[in-house]
Amino acid sequence: MKIIMIITWVLMLSPVQSDVAAFTAPSAGDQIKTCTENAPGSTIICKVALSSSTGFTVMIKTQDPPYPPFQLVSDNRLGWTLNSPASVKIDRETTRNFTFVFNATDGAITFSSVTLTVIITDENDNFPHFTNAFYTHTIYDTESPDRGLLVIQATDEDLSPNITYSIIGGNEGNKFSIDPNTGQLNLTTPNNLNATTTPTYNLTVQAGDGTNVNYTTVIIHVVDDLCSPSPCDNNGTCSRNHTNYTCTCAAGWLGDNCKTDPCLSTPCSNGTTCKRSGTNYTCDGSRVGLKNDSELADSCSSYPCKNGGMCALNGTAFTCSCTSDFHGSNCNLTDPTTSKSQGDSCIAEPCTNGGTCIVVGTSFGCLCVSGMTGYTCSTIVATPVSQTDAHDIESNTDSSSNLLALYIVVPVLTTGMVVASIVIYKYKKRQKVADGDVREGPRNQCFKSSDVPNNGLIRHNGPQFPPVNKSNKIFLTTQLSTINYAK
């Protein structure tokens, strides 16, 4: 009986242990599937299967990203299938892949699958988009065809788009061409434009990716080349923009178009000769006149002749006619035999380079400006000291000397006065004592003779002294105090 019962329990337990359910799809070797973007709704992507589906329910545990929601549909033949969203198409440009994890449960046991990745494959469903809403460019009517005008560009969100370009309108006379791969717009032939007859071209350019096309407008403005032919004469160089031009003149010429000879107006005076020098001129090669100058400043304009001398131009130089008391190239030297110059050594202005002359007896001294030195300020120094600095130094020295004198003389005078006062005071005091006028005592008090009592003693709060009678008055003096003074 016991043997039969053991066999029965073994037969009942064996089927349960041998039929453990597990996911067979997706599995460790089958975790990636694909789905085409824009696939119709409820398109089967892949199956989801268990090793034993008896009594089990399968569902989507997680979907990332969660939108749009995919479907898990039960199928009697396949078990379960993962289908595309029912009403929303999948866009690869929005989401390139999805991941899923599935759960299976019989109410008592629940287990999960490995992660399944669904990759969305590309479909050519996007149109090319131009980088600009429209394009515009300005060219000269003499534009060369070997220089590119501008580049037309478009982009496509599809994977590896193959965009080509073409001109489909507005290209009258086929004056323009475009590179189908790069979008480079070029002029077809030279000298094929006329700004007067056709100042503007409106080209329609198409960009296509093999399935979808898009269009843009390219506006080309044609303007006259203001430097063709060149308006600059005498080998001047012309440069221009779209509205104006500028001439860079060759040496010796002036004017907007390099037509003006700077010496044509004979700007040099006093017999000098004008010579062209770049865009300026020189007079006898020494004085340069600026553009548009009508007259050069002469050498006498700075009044070089001193002491009443008269200045006269001599080509580019000058000559001074001096008065009888002076001589030299600038009339700054004196004749010592003339009475006018005697007694004033500065009248001849001997100090040069802005120096100031100071009369010193029968001679003179020069106070030089910054950077000059020497007897007549004719030598340049490496470390200049300005006239103002020299004056400040001299002023500071004088001030220091004055203060030093003040500090020495005043105490000496004060000490002398105090000592003299003490000597005089003591002398007078001794003289009075010798004459019997004064007795020293503790007070400086004066009494009449009638105030002295009969016994001949003076009574007061202090010590008693015998009277000394002179002119009916008695003087009592206190002890002389000590006097302190600066030595």
Protein backbone atom coordinates (compact mmCIF):
# COMPACT_ATOMS: atom_id res chain seq x y z
CA MET A 1 0.00 0.00 0.00
CA LYS A 2 2.80 2.47 0.84
CA ILE A 3 4.61 1.59 -2.38
CA ILE A 4 1.53 2.41 -4.49
CA MET A 5 1.09 5.81 -2.81
CA ILE A 6 4.70 6.84 -3.44
CA ILE A 7 4.43 5.99 -7.12
CA THR A 8 1.22 8.03 -7.37
CA TRP A 9 2.87 11.14 -5.89
CA VAL A 10 5.81 10.86 -8.26
CA LEU A 11 3.48 10.65 -11.26
CA MET A 12 1.54 13.72 -10.11
CA LEU A 13 4.64 15.94 -9.50
CA SER A 14 6.70 15.06 -12.55
CA PRO A 15 4.63 16.90 -15.26
CA VAL A 16 4.65 20.23 -13.30
CA GLN A 17 8.41 20.27 -12.86
CA SER A 18 9.10 19.52 -16.52
CA ASP A 19 6.79 22.24 -17.97
CA VAL A 20 8.28 25.54 -16.57
CA ALA A 21 7.13 28.46 -18.88
CA ALA A 22 9.62 31.05 -20.33
CA PHE A 23 9.73 33.66 -23.15
CA THR A 24 11.07 32.23 -26.39
CA ALA A 25 10.50 35.52 -28.27
CA PRO A 26 12.07 37.93 -27.61
CA SER A 27 15.05 35.96 -26.43
CA ALA A 28 18.70 36.57 -25.67
CA GLY A 29 19.65 35.97 -29.30
CA ASP A 30 16.65 37.75 -30.83
CA GLN A 31 16.26 41.20 -29.29
CA ILE A 32 16.27 43.59 -32.31
CA LYS A 33 13.47 44.12 -34.82
CA THR A 34 12.76 46.80 -37.45
CA CYS A 35 9.70 48.72 -38.52
CA THR A 36 9.34 51.13 -41.46
CA GLU A 37 8.23 54.68 -40.66
CA ASN A 38 4.73 55.54 -41.86
CA ALA A 39 3.80 51.86 -41.74
CA PRO A 40 0.01 51.24 -41.89
CA GLY A 41 -1.75 50.92 -38.54
CA SER A 42 -1.67 47.55 -36.79
CA THR A 43 1.16 46.26 -38.97
CA ILE A 44 2.73 43.14 -37.38
CA ILE A 45 6.28 43.86 -36.29
CA CYS A 46 7.17 40.59 -34.53
CA LYS A 47 5.69 37.77 -32.45
CA VAL A 48 5.90 37.38 -28.67
CA ALA A 49 5.91 33.74 -27.52
CA LEU A 50 6.22 31.52 -24.42
CA SER A 51 7.58 28.01 -24.13
CA SER A 52 4.22 27.05 -22.65
CA SER A 53 1.33 29.43 -22.99
CA THR A 54 -1.26 27.32 -21.17
CA GLY A 55 -2.96 29.45 -18.56
CA PHE A 56 -0.66 32.50 -19.08
CA THR A 57 -1.47 36.04 -20.10
CA VAL A 58 1.16 38.27 -21.81
CA MET A 59 1.16 42.07 -21.79
CA ILE A 60 3.50 45.06 -22.50
CA LYS A 61 5.22 45.93 -19.22
CA THR A 62 7.15 49.02 -20.48
CA GLN A 63 7.46 51.02 -23.75
CA ASP A 64 10.10 53.76 -24.15
CA PRO A 65 9.18 56.30 -25.37
CA PRO A 66 5.54 55.64 -24.52
CA TYR A 67 4.04 57.53 -27.48
CA PRO A 68 2.62 56.51 -29.89
CA PRO A 69 1.43 53.35 -28.07
CA PHE A 70 2.13 50.03 -29.80
CA GLN A 71 -0.28 47.09 -29.59
CA LEU A 72 0.15 43.51 -28.26
CA VAL A 73 -2.44 41.31 -29.95
CA SER A 74 -3.30 37.66 -29.07
CA ASP A 75 -3.06 35.31 -32.05
CA ASN A 76 -4.25 31.69 -31.94
CA ARG A 77 -1.57 30.61 -34.35
CA LEU A 78 1.41 32.74 -33.21
CA GLY A 79 0.49 33.33 -29.60
CA TRP A 80 0.92 37.12 -29.36
CA THR A 81 2.13 39.79 -31.88
CA LEU A 82 3.59 43.28 -31.41
CA ASN A 83 1.81 45.60 -33.87
CA SER A 84 2.37 49.22 -34.95
CA PRO A 85 0.07 51.91 -33.52
CA ALA A 86 -3.48 51.62 -34.78
CA SER A 87 -4.16 55.25 -35.77
CA VAL A 88 -0.84 57.14 -35.59
CA LYS A 89 1.99 56.71 -38.07
CA ILE A 90 5.54 56.38 -36.84
CA ASP A 91 7.93 59.21 -37.86
CA ARG A 92 11.64 58.30 -37.88
CA GLU A 93 12.65 61.96 -37.81
CA THR A 94 10.80 62.24 -34.47
CA THR A 95 11.74 58.88 -32.85
CA ARG A 96 14.38 56.59 -34.29
CA ASN A 97 13.81 53.52 -32.04
CA PHE A 98 11.61 52.09 -29.28
CA THR A 99 12.33 49.56 -26.49
CA PHE A 100 9.88 47.08 -24.91
CA VAL A 101 9.74 44.67 -21.96
CA PHE A 102 6.90 42.08 -21.70
CA ASN A 103 5.33 40.39 -18.68
CA ALA A 104 3.69 36.90 -18.50
CA THR A 105 1.50 35.78 -15.58
CA ASP A 106 -0.90 32.94 -14.68
CA GLY A 107 -2.09 34.67 -11.55
CA ALA A 108 0.39 32.88 -9.33
CA ILE A 109 3.65 33.22 -11.23
CA THR A 110 4.81 36.44 -13.06
CA PHE A 111 8.00 36.79 -15.06
CA SER A 112 9.44 39.27 -17.61
CA SER A 113 11.11 39.05 -21.00
CA VAL A 114 14.45 40.43 -22.10
CA THR A 115 14.43 43.95 -23.62
CA LEU A 116 13.27 44.17 -27.24
CA THR A 117 14.51 47.10 -29.43
CA VAL A 118 12.49 48.16 -32.49
CA ILE A 119 14.47 50.31 -34.97
CA ILE A 120 12.44 52.62 -37.26
CA THR A 121 13.79 52.60 -40.80
CA ASP A 122 13.83 55.72 -42.99
CA GLU A 123 11.42 56.55 -45.75
CA ASN A 124 11.93 59.47 -48.19
CA ASP A 125 8.99 61.47 -46.90
CA ASN A 126 10.51 64.96 -46.35
CA PHE A 127 10.87 67.87 -48.77
CA PRO A 128 14.09 69.83 -49.29
CA HIS A 129 14.09 73.17 -47.46
CA PHE A 130 16.15 76.15 -48.71
CA THR A 131 18.28 77.94 -46.15
CA ASN A 132 16.87 81.31 -47.31
CA ALA A 133 13.32 82.21 -48.23
CA PHE A 134 14.80 83.95 -51.32
CA TYR A 135 18.23 85.01 -52.56
CA THR A 136 19.48 88.31 -53.98
CA HIS A 137 22.79 89.36 -55.51
CA THR A 138 24.18 92.39 -57.39
CA ILE A 139 26.71 92.06 -60.19
CA TYR A 140 28.42 94.41 -62.66
CA ASP A 141 27.59 94.23 -66.33
CA THR A 142 31.26 93.31 -66.91
CA GLU A 143 31.18 90.34 -64.51
CA SER A 144 33.63 87.55 -65.34
CA PRO A 145 32.20 84.01 -65.74
CA ASP A 146 35.08 82.39 -63.86
CA ARG A 147 33.91 83.81 -60.53
CA GLY A 148 30.95 82.22 -58.76
CA LEU A 149 28.08 84.56 -57.97
CA LEU A 150 26.50 82.86 -54.95
CA VAL A 151 25.60 79.39 -53.59
CA ILE A 152 22.00 78.16 -53.30
CA GLN A 153 21.58 75.58 -50.51
CA ALA A 154 18.80 73.32 -49.27
CA THR A 155 18.60 70.68 -46.51
CA ASP A 156 16.52 67.50 -46.10
CA GLU A 157 15.69 65.75 -42.80
CA ASP A 158 15.62 62.33 -44.40
CA LEU A 159 18.53 59.96 -43.90
CA SER A 160 21.33 60.61 -46.48
CA PRO A 161 19.31 62.82 -48.85
CA ASN A 162 20.55 63.27 -52.42
CA ILE A 163 19.56 66.84 -53.34
CA THR A 164 20.08 68.23 -56.83
CA TYR A 165 19.58 71.80 -58.13
CA SER A 166 18.35 73.23 -61.40
CA ILE A 167 17.14 76.56 -62.88
CA ILE A 168 13.61 76.09 -64.18
CA GLY A 169 12.53 79.69 -64.89
CA GLY A 170 13.56 83.31 -65.51
CA ASN A 171 16.87 82.48 -67.18
CA GLU A 172 16.45 84.56 -70.31
CA GLY A 173 19.08 83.78 -72.90
CA ASN A 174 20.54 81.13 -70.60
CA LYS A 175 22.82 83.75 -69.10
CA PHE A 176 23.13 81.80 -65.84
CA SER A 177 23.87 78.23 -64.85
CA ILE A 178 23.86 76.28 -61.58
CA ASP A 179 25.94 73.33 -60.43
CA PRO A 180 23.40 70.50 -59.82
CA ASN A 181 25.35 69.08 -56.85
CA THR A 182 26.68 72.17 -55.03
CA GLY A 183 24.10 74.83 -55.97
CA GLN A 184 26.85 77.25 -57.18
CA LEU A 185 25.29 79.92 -59.44
CA ASN A 186 27.51 81.17 -62.26
CA LEU A 187 27.45 83.55 -65.21
CA THR A 188 27.41 81.61 -68.48
CA THR A 189 29.37 83.93 -70.83
CA PRO A 190 31.29 87.21 -70.28
CA ASN A 191 29.98 90.61 -71.44
CA ASN A 192 26.54 89.08 -71.79
CA LEU A 193 24.70 91.50 -69.50
CA ASN A 194 23.21 94.93 -70.08
CA ALA A 195 22.26 97.01 -67.05
CA THR A 196 20.15 99.33 -69.20
CA THR A 197 17.99 96.80 -71.06
CA THR A 198 17.78 94.11 -68.37
CA PRO A 199 18.71 95.43 -64.92
CA THR A 200 17.09 92.50 -63.04
CA TYR A 201 16.74 88.74 -63.45
CA ASN A 202 14.29 86.65 -61.38
CA LEU A 203 15.44 83.04 -61.47
CA THR A 204 13.40 80.09 -60.19
CA VAL A 205 15.62 77.40 -58.72
CA GLN A 206 14.40 73.88 -57.90
CA ALA A 207 15.85 71.49 -55.30
CA GLY A 208 14.81 67.81 -55.44
CA ASP A 209 15.69 64.64 -53.48
CA GLY A 210 14.43 62.15 -56.08
CA THR A 211 10.89 62.07 -54.71
CA ASN A 212 10.07 65.50 -53.32
CA VAL A 213 10.92 68.94 -54.76
CA ASN A 214 10.91 72.52 -53.50
CA TYR A 215 11.50 75.94 -55.11
CA THR A 216 13.06 79.33 -54.35
CA THR A 217 13.56 82.67 -56.13
CA VAL A 218 16.97 84.17 -56.90
CA ILE A 219 16.98 87.91 -57.80
CA ILE A 220 20.03 89.14 -59.76
CA HIS A 221 20.56 92.92 -60.08
CA VAL A 222 22.81 94.13 -62.89
CA VAL A 223 24.55 97.54 -62.50
CA ASP A 224 26.91 99.53 -64.69
CA ASP A 225 30.59 99.02 -64.03
CA LEU A 226 31.67 102.60 -63.23
CA CYS A 227 35.31 101.65 -63.78
CA SER A 228 34.71 100.33 -67.30
CA PRO A 229 36.01 102.23 -69.10
CA SER A 230 38.16 103.75 -66.36
CA PRO A 231 37.35 107.38 -65.58
CA CYS A 232 40.78 107.86 -63.95
CA ASP A 233 43.25 109.66 -66.24
CA ASN A 234 47.03 109.73 -66.25
CA ASN A 235 47.42 106.10 -65.13
CA GLY A 236 45.14 106.49 -62.13
CA THR A 237 43.63 103.32 -60.64
CA CYS A 238 39.85 103.00 -60.40
CA SER A 239 38.03 101.20 -57.58
CA ARG A 240 34.24 101.08 -57.28
CA ASN A 241 31.25 99.92 -55.35
CA HIS A 242 27.74 99.52 -56.71
CA THR A 243 27.00 103.27 -56.58
CA ASN A 244 30.30 105.17 -56.87
CA TYR A 245 33.98 104.99 -57.81
CA THR A 246 37.29 106.34 -56.50
CA CYS A 247 40.47 107.19 -58.39
CA THR A 248 43.90 106.61 -56.88
CA CYS A 249 46.10 108.98 -58.83
CA ALA A 250 49.61 108.33 -60.06
CA ALA A 251 52.47 110.48 -58.76
CA GLY A 252 52.12 114.10 -59.77
CA TRP A 253 48.36 114.22 -60.43
CA LEU A 254 45.35 115.41 -58.43
CA GLY A 255 41.57 115.59 -58.68
CA ASP A 256 38.64 113.19 -58.62
CA ASN A 257 39.71 111.80 -62.01
CA CYS A 258 43.47 112.49 -61.75
CA LYS A 259 43.30 115.27 -64.34
CA THR A 260 44.76 118.13 -62.29
CA ASP A 261 48.44 119.05 -62.34
CA PRO A 262 49.21 120.50 -58.85
CA CYS A 263 51.67 122.95 -60.44
CA LEU A 264 49.11 124.17 -62.97
CA SER A 265 47.97 127.00 -60.67
CA THR A 266 51.60 128.16 -60.12
CA PRO A 267 51.37 127.93 -56.31
CA CYS A 268 55.05 128.74 -55.74
CA SER A 269 55.87 132.42 -55.19
CA ASN A 270 59.00 134.53 -54.86
CA GLY A 271 60.57 133.07 -57.96
CA THR A 272 60.61 129.41 -56.80
CA THR A 273 59.88 126.55 -59.21
CA CYS A 274 56.97 124.14 -58.71
CA LYS A 275 57.60 120.43 -59.05
CA ARG A 276 55.04 117.60 -58.74
CA SER A 277 55.65 115.29 -55.76
CA GLY A 278 53.12 112.49 -55.39
CA THR A 279 49.74 114.11 -54.90
CA ASN A 280 51.45 117.29 -53.64
CA TYR A 281 54.03 119.70 -54.99
CA THR A 282 57.28 121.24 -53.86
CA CYS A 283 58.76 124.65 -54.49
CA ASP A 284 62.40 124.29 -55.58
CA GLY A 285 62.32 120.84 -53.97
CA SER A 286 62.24 122.14 -50.39
CA ARG A 287 58.80 123.41 -49.42
CA VAL A 288 55.92 120.99 -49.82
CA GLY A 289 52.43 122.27 -50.55
CA LEU A 290 49.41 120.19 -49.57
CA LYS A 291 46.62 119.27 -51.92
CA ASN A 292 44.29 122.23 -52.58
CA ASP A 293 46.77 124.73 -51.00
CA SER A 294 46.76 127.98 -52.95
CA GLU A 295 49.75 129.65 -51.29
CA LEU A 296 52.76 128.58 -49.25
CA ALA A 297 53.77 130.33 -46.03
CA ASP A 298 56.99 132.32 -46.64
CA SER A 299 60.12 132.27 -44.50
CA CYS A 300 59.46 135.77 -43.09
CA SER A 301 56.11 134.80 -41.58
CA SER A 302 57.82 133.79 -38.31
CA TYR A 303 59.50 137.25 -37.95
CA PRO A 304 63.07 135.95 -37.74
CA CYS A 305 64.70 139.41 -37.77
CA LYS A 306 65.12 140.83 -34.26
CA ASN A 307 65.64 144.33 -32.84
CA GLY A 308 63.75 146.15 -35.58
CA GLY A 309 65.43 144.32 -38.49
CA MET A 310 63.56 144.10 -41.82
CA CYS A 311 62.96 140.63 -43.37
CA ALA A 312 63.21 140.06 -47.12
CA LEU A 313 62.54 136.76 -48.96
CA ASN A 314 65.41 135.25 -50.89
CA GLY A 315 64.02 132.21 -52.69
CA THR A 316 63.18 129.73 -49.96
CA ALA A 317 65.37 131.60 -47.43
CA PHE A 318 65.33 135.15 -46.00
CA THR A 319 67.66 138.05 -45.42
CA CYS A 320 67.57 140.49 -42.48
CA SER A 321 68.39 144.20 -42.91
CA CYS A 322 69.53 145.24 -39.41
CA THR A 323 69.52 148.68 -37.77
CA SER A 324 72.79 150.47 -37.05
CA ASP A 325 73.14 149.05 -33.54
CA PHE A 326 72.79 145.37 -34.47
CA HIS A 327 74.19 142.84 -36.90
CA GLY A 328 74.12 139.09 -37.59
CA SER A 329 71.82 136.83 -39.67
CA ASN A 330 68.93 137.58 -37.31
CA CYS A 331 70.05 141.06 -36.13
CA ASN A 332 70.67 139.67 -32.67
CA LEU A 333 74.32 140.75 -32.26
CA THR A 334 75.30 144.18 -30.93
CA ASP A 335 78.10 146.58 -31.77
CA PRO A 336 79.89 147.34 -28.43
CA THR A 337 81.05 150.77 -29.69
CA THR A 338 77.51 152.13 -29.95
CA SER A 339 76.13 154.02 -26.95
CA LYS A 340 72.68 152.49 -27.29
CA SER A 341 73.86 149.03 -26.42
CA GLN A 342 76.18 150.05 -23.60
CA GLY A 343 74.95 149.34 -20.07
CA ASP A 344 72.43 146.70 -21.16
CA SER A 345 74.09 143.41 -22.02
CA CYS A 346 70.71 141.73 -22.76
CA ILE A 347 69.59 144.17 -25.46
CA ALA A 348 71.22 141.99 -28.12
CA GLU A 349 69.22 138.95 -26.98
CA PRO A 350 72.27 136.70 -26.63
CA CYS A 351 70.29 133.80 -25.18
CA THR A 352 69.26 131.37 -27.92
CA ASN A 353 66.64 128.62 -28.13
CA GLY A 354 64.06 130.50 -26.07
CA GLY A 355 66.42 131.31 -23.20
CA THR A 356 65.75 134.34 -20.97
CA CYS A 357 68.52 136.93 -20.57
CA ILE A 358 69.27 138.36 -17.11
CA VAL A 359 71.56 141.41 -16.67
CA VAL A 360 74.38 140.66 -14.23
CA GLY A 361 76.42 143.82 -13.70
CA THR A 362 77.97 144.65 -17.01
CA SER A 363 77.48 141.09 -18.25
CA PHE A 364 74.49 138.80 -18.60
CA GLY A 365 73.24 135.33 -17.69
CA CYS A 366 70.88 133.01 -19.60
CA LEU A 367 68.04 131.10 -17.99
CA CYS A 368 67.55 128.20 -20.44
CA VAL A 369 64.38 126.31 -21.25
CA SER A 370 63.99 122.58 -20.73
CA GLY A 371 66.49 120.55 -22.71
CA MET A 372 69.04 123.35 -23.30
CA THR A 373 72.14 124.47 -21.44
CA GLY A 374 75.35 126.42 -21.97
CA TYR A 375 76.42 130.04 -21.65
CA THR A 376 73.85 131.10 -24.30
CA CYS A 377 71.53 128.05 -24.08
CA SER A 378 73.01 126.61 -27.26
CA THR A 379 73.79 123.08 -25.97
CA ILE A 380 71.23 120.28 -25.81
CA VAL A 381 71.26 118.25 -22.59
CA ALA A 382 70.25 114.60 -22.26
CA THR A 383 68.14 115.14 -19.13
CA PRO A 384 66.20 118.40 -19.63
CA VAL A 385 65.23 120.58 -16.73
CA SER A 386 62.56 123.09 -17.58
CA GLN A 387 62.77 126.77 -16.80
CA THR A 388 59.86 126.34 -14.44
CA ASP A 389 61.62 123.52 -12.58
CA ALA A 390 64.77 125.64 -12.25
CA HIS A 391 62.76 128.54 -10.92
CA ASP A 392 61.02 126.19 -8.45
CA ILE A 393 64.36 124.84 -7.25
CA GLU A 394 65.70 128.38 -6.78
CA SER A 395 62.51 129.39 -4.99
CA ASN A 396 62.70 126.37 -2.71
CA THR A 397 66.36 127.11 -1.90
CA ASP A 398 65.52 130.75 -1.07
CA SER A 399 62.61 129.63 1.09
CA SER A 400 64.79 127.13 2.96
CA SER A 401 67.44 129.82 3.57
CA ASN A 402 64.82 132.25 4.87
CA LEU A 403 63.42 129.66 7.27
CA LEU A 404 66.90 128.77 8.52
CA ALA A 405 67.62 132.45 9.23
CA LEU A 406 64.31 132.78 11.04
CA TYR A 407 65.00 129.78 13.27
CA ILE A 408 68.49 131.08 14.26
CA VAL A 409 68.09 134.88 14.51
CA VAL A 410 64.78 135.08 16.40
CA PRO A 411 65.84 132.91 19.39
CA VAL A 412 69.15 134.75 19.64
CA LEU A 413 67.45 138.15 19.67
CA THR A 414 64.87 136.96 22.21
CA THR A 415 67.56 135.53 24.52
CA GLY A 416 69.55 138.77 24.31
CA MET A 417 66.54 140.87 25.20
CA VAL A 418 65.67 138.68 28.23
CA VAL A 419 69.25 138.67 29.52
CA ALA A 420 69.47 142.45 29.13
CA SER A 421 66.21 142.88 31.05
CA ILE A 422 67.47 140.72 33.92
CA VAL A 423 70.78 142.58 34.12
CA ILE A 424 69.05 145.97 34.17
CA TYR A 425 66.55 144.79 36.77
CA LYS A 426 69.21 143.45 39.14
CA TYR A 427 71.31 146.56 38.74
CA LYS A 428 68.44 148.84 39.69
CA LYS A 429 67.53 146.65 42.65
CA ARG A 430 71.06 146.74 44.06
CA GLN A 431 71.16 150.47 43.55
CA LYS A 432 67.98 150.98 45.55
CA VAL A 433 69.18 148.76 48.40
CA ALA A 434 72.41 150.70 48.57
CA ASP A 435 70.45 153.94 48.81
CA GLY A 436 68.27 152.58 51.68
CA ASP A 437 65.06 152.72 49.66
CA VAL A 438 64.23 149.06 49.65
CA ARG A 439 64.22 146.17 52.11
CA GLU A 440 63.65 142.69 50.89
CA GLY A 441 60.66 140.93 52.37
CA PRO A 442 57.94 138.47 51.60
CA ARG A 443 55.50 141.00 50.12
CA ASN A 444 55.52 143.84 47.62
CA GLN A 445 53.63 146.26 49.83
CA CYS A 446 53.92 150.05 50.34
CA PHE A 447 53.28 151.80 53.70
CA LYS A 448 53.24 155.43 54.81
CA SER A 449 55.33 156.54 57.78
CA SER A 450 52.20 157.32 59.77
CA ASP A 451 51.28 153.64 59.55
CA VAL A 452 54.36 152.60 61.48
CA PRO A 453 53.64 152.06 65.23
CA ASN A 454 55.57 153.88 67.97
CA ASN A 455 57.73 150.94 68.75
CA GLY A 456 59.22 151.20 65.27
CA LEU A 457 58.00 147.79 64.11
CA ILE A 458 55.78 147.03 61.18
CA ARG A 459 53.10 144.55 62.02
CA HIS A 460 51.46 142.40 59.45
CA ASN A 461 50.71 138.75 58.88
CA GLY A 462 54.26 137.94 57.75
CA PRO A 463 57.66 138.26 59.56
CA GLN A 464 58.51 141.52 61.38
CA PHE A 465 61.14 143.87 59.94
CA PRO A 466 62.50 147.11 61.38
CA PRO A 467 61.37 150.15 59.45
CA VAL A 468 63.51 151.90 56.89
CA ASN A 469 62.39 155.49 56.39
CA LYS A 470 62.98 157.23 53.09
CA SER A 471 60.56 159.75 51.58
CA ASN A 472 57.83 158.56 53.92
CA LYS A 473 57.54 155.25 52.08
CA ILE A 474 58.64 151.69 52.76
CA PHE A 475 59.03 149.14 49.91
CA LEU A 476 58.95 145.42 50.53
CA THR A 477 59.84 143.17 47.65
CA THR A 478 59.39 139.50 47.15
CA GLN A 479 62.07 137.06 46.05
CA LEU A 480 62.91 137.38 42.35
CA SER A 481 61.39 134.59 40.30
CA THR A 482 63.42 132.40 37.78
CA ILE A 483 63.08 133.29 34.08
CA ASN A 484 63.41 130.51 31.38
CA TYR A 485 64.31 131.39 27.76
CA ALA A 486 65.41 129.58 24.65
CA LYS A 487 69.09 129.36 24.29
